[in-house]
Amino acid sequence: MKTKKALILTSLFSLLWMSCVNSEYLFTIPRSLRGGSKGTYCLSLRNIDHENPAGYDCQVILSLRTSEVNITSVRAVDSFYSSEPDWNQCVKFDVPSKADKYIASVTVRIDGNELFTHEEKVNVWVAKNITLIQTDKPLYKPGQTVMFRILRMDYNLLPLTNPLELITIDNPGGVRVMQWKNVDASKGLVSLEMKLSDDPILGTWNIKIHGADETYQPFKVEEYVLPKFEVKITPPTYLLPSSPTITGKVCADYTYGQPVKGSLIVRVCFGPEYYRYYNPKQKCVDIIETNFDGCQSISIPSAQLKLGVQKYPGWGSLKINATVREAATGIELNGTSTGPDLTYDPLKIDITDESDGYFKPGFPYKGKVTVTFPDGKPAPNEIIRIKAESYNIDDYWSKEFTTDASGIINFSLSDLWSNILSIHLRATAVKYEENSDTEYESYFQHMSTPNDYKTIFEWFSPSLSYIYIPTIKEKVPCDSTVDLDVIYSTDGSSVNVFTFV
């Protein structure tokens, strides 16, 4: 008597594995199927026991029926012939177009004898088409022409070309004012337009697509006048608690480029969002300029905003609001700027090298320190202390450098210690090291000391010999010869002559 074993795994696939004596059978079908598409099931047979030595017939019967009403939606019968004991086959079948939970039933017969029958639940989902409606602008004035395009795509993002049954435009009252029927979409993209009357209903209108791909796109119709000028605010690029003043700039220009003359009111505030609820004592500073002539620089002592004072919030953003009033007409326009945030890091230091963080004993290690301000601009003439040490020894190396005009320091470590596996580098901005002689009173927030750390490791060499080939930074023509100073280290017991190509 033959015994059977079955193992069902629930995952992305419904999987059935069975064995009968020495024969094995594997059947897989996706757990989730897209409605209206082609699904695929796969059957693998191993060590098939059959009576006919010439081969065997395999028949697979697959059916999908709904779990509730027990109506079969798909029934596929596939027959195969094979003379091999090991056999694999994947077959496509039609997936029902209706989304529902189905019971997939599979029966496999070998030479008319049932090999196995199994049922498993599968889920069929229907992919929705994508419909996009785009107007040439979101806001229209009375009498203007509303132009829009429609693009429909299927699940694979391929354009749909079947006609659109009905397209309508409704006014804010829900009244249909325009419609198109059976619109040709053979090219995939549909372009339509509608001219507004001189006295339309103001408000939100809707472009609607009716049918299976029903959707809508709103647009507004309003009476508006384009502003004649624009207010622009240039805030400081960064903000430190040690900044003695806060500077910025406010400009107002007409659309044709000329400066606006009139008056200016500027309000500058600092603090976290909703700071008034956090600390009622936080104050803003107002600036009034009656003879505004297109641009005005502003400068406010930081003390007036309690910037960096410990009793006030030590974080937040700078907020600037400017109102420009045109002298000729009295028209007022506003401009607003938020940021930058207060930072306690006056400099950013970055240690890099061209050796990917490795050093070779006997060769100088060459590194680079880049120093920038919080806004990313180079920080020249900054004194930076570079320190190198290793946990293996008590000695250390330290030296101070000054950044060049690009905020860069190139340094070299020669005569490296022997028998060390790693070196720890630290670069520190000397001017900002914490000490008791700070020029600011104790109730001010203290800034962080800018520094950066990097650990470099010894390059591994089984022979304890190393070679250094310098980087060629300039362009070199093909088939040309370049002279390089190649450094080679050895223990001195032997000298080798070699050629590098």
Foldseek 3Di string as FASTA:
>chain_A
DWDKDWDFDDDQWTWIWMDTDHKIKIKIWGQEAEAQDKTKIKIKIAQDDDDDQQWKKKKKWKWKAAPPPRDTDDIDIDMDIDNDRIDMDMDIGHHHNDWHKIKIWMWMDINNHTPDIDIDIHTYHYWAKDKDKDWPDQEAEAFAKIKIKIAIATPVRHADFFFQAKKFKADPVRDTDDMDGRHGRNVRMDIDMDTGHNDDDFDKMWIWGDDPNTDIDIGTYDDDDDDQKDKDKAWDLAAELPDQKTKIKIFMAGPVGAGFWFKKKKKKAWDAVVVCVVDVPFDIDIDIGGGDGGMDMDMGGVVNRVAQFQVGDPKTWMKMKMWGAGPPPRDIDIDIDIDDMYALAQKAKDKDADPHQADAPQDKGKIKIAIDGPSRAGDFQFKKKKKKDAPVDPDIDIDIDTAHPRRMDIDIHHPDDPPGFKMKMKIWGVVLDDDPPDPDDPSGHHGDTHMDMGMGGYDDDPQSKDKDWDDDPDDDDPPDDDDTDMDIDDPPPDDDDDDDD
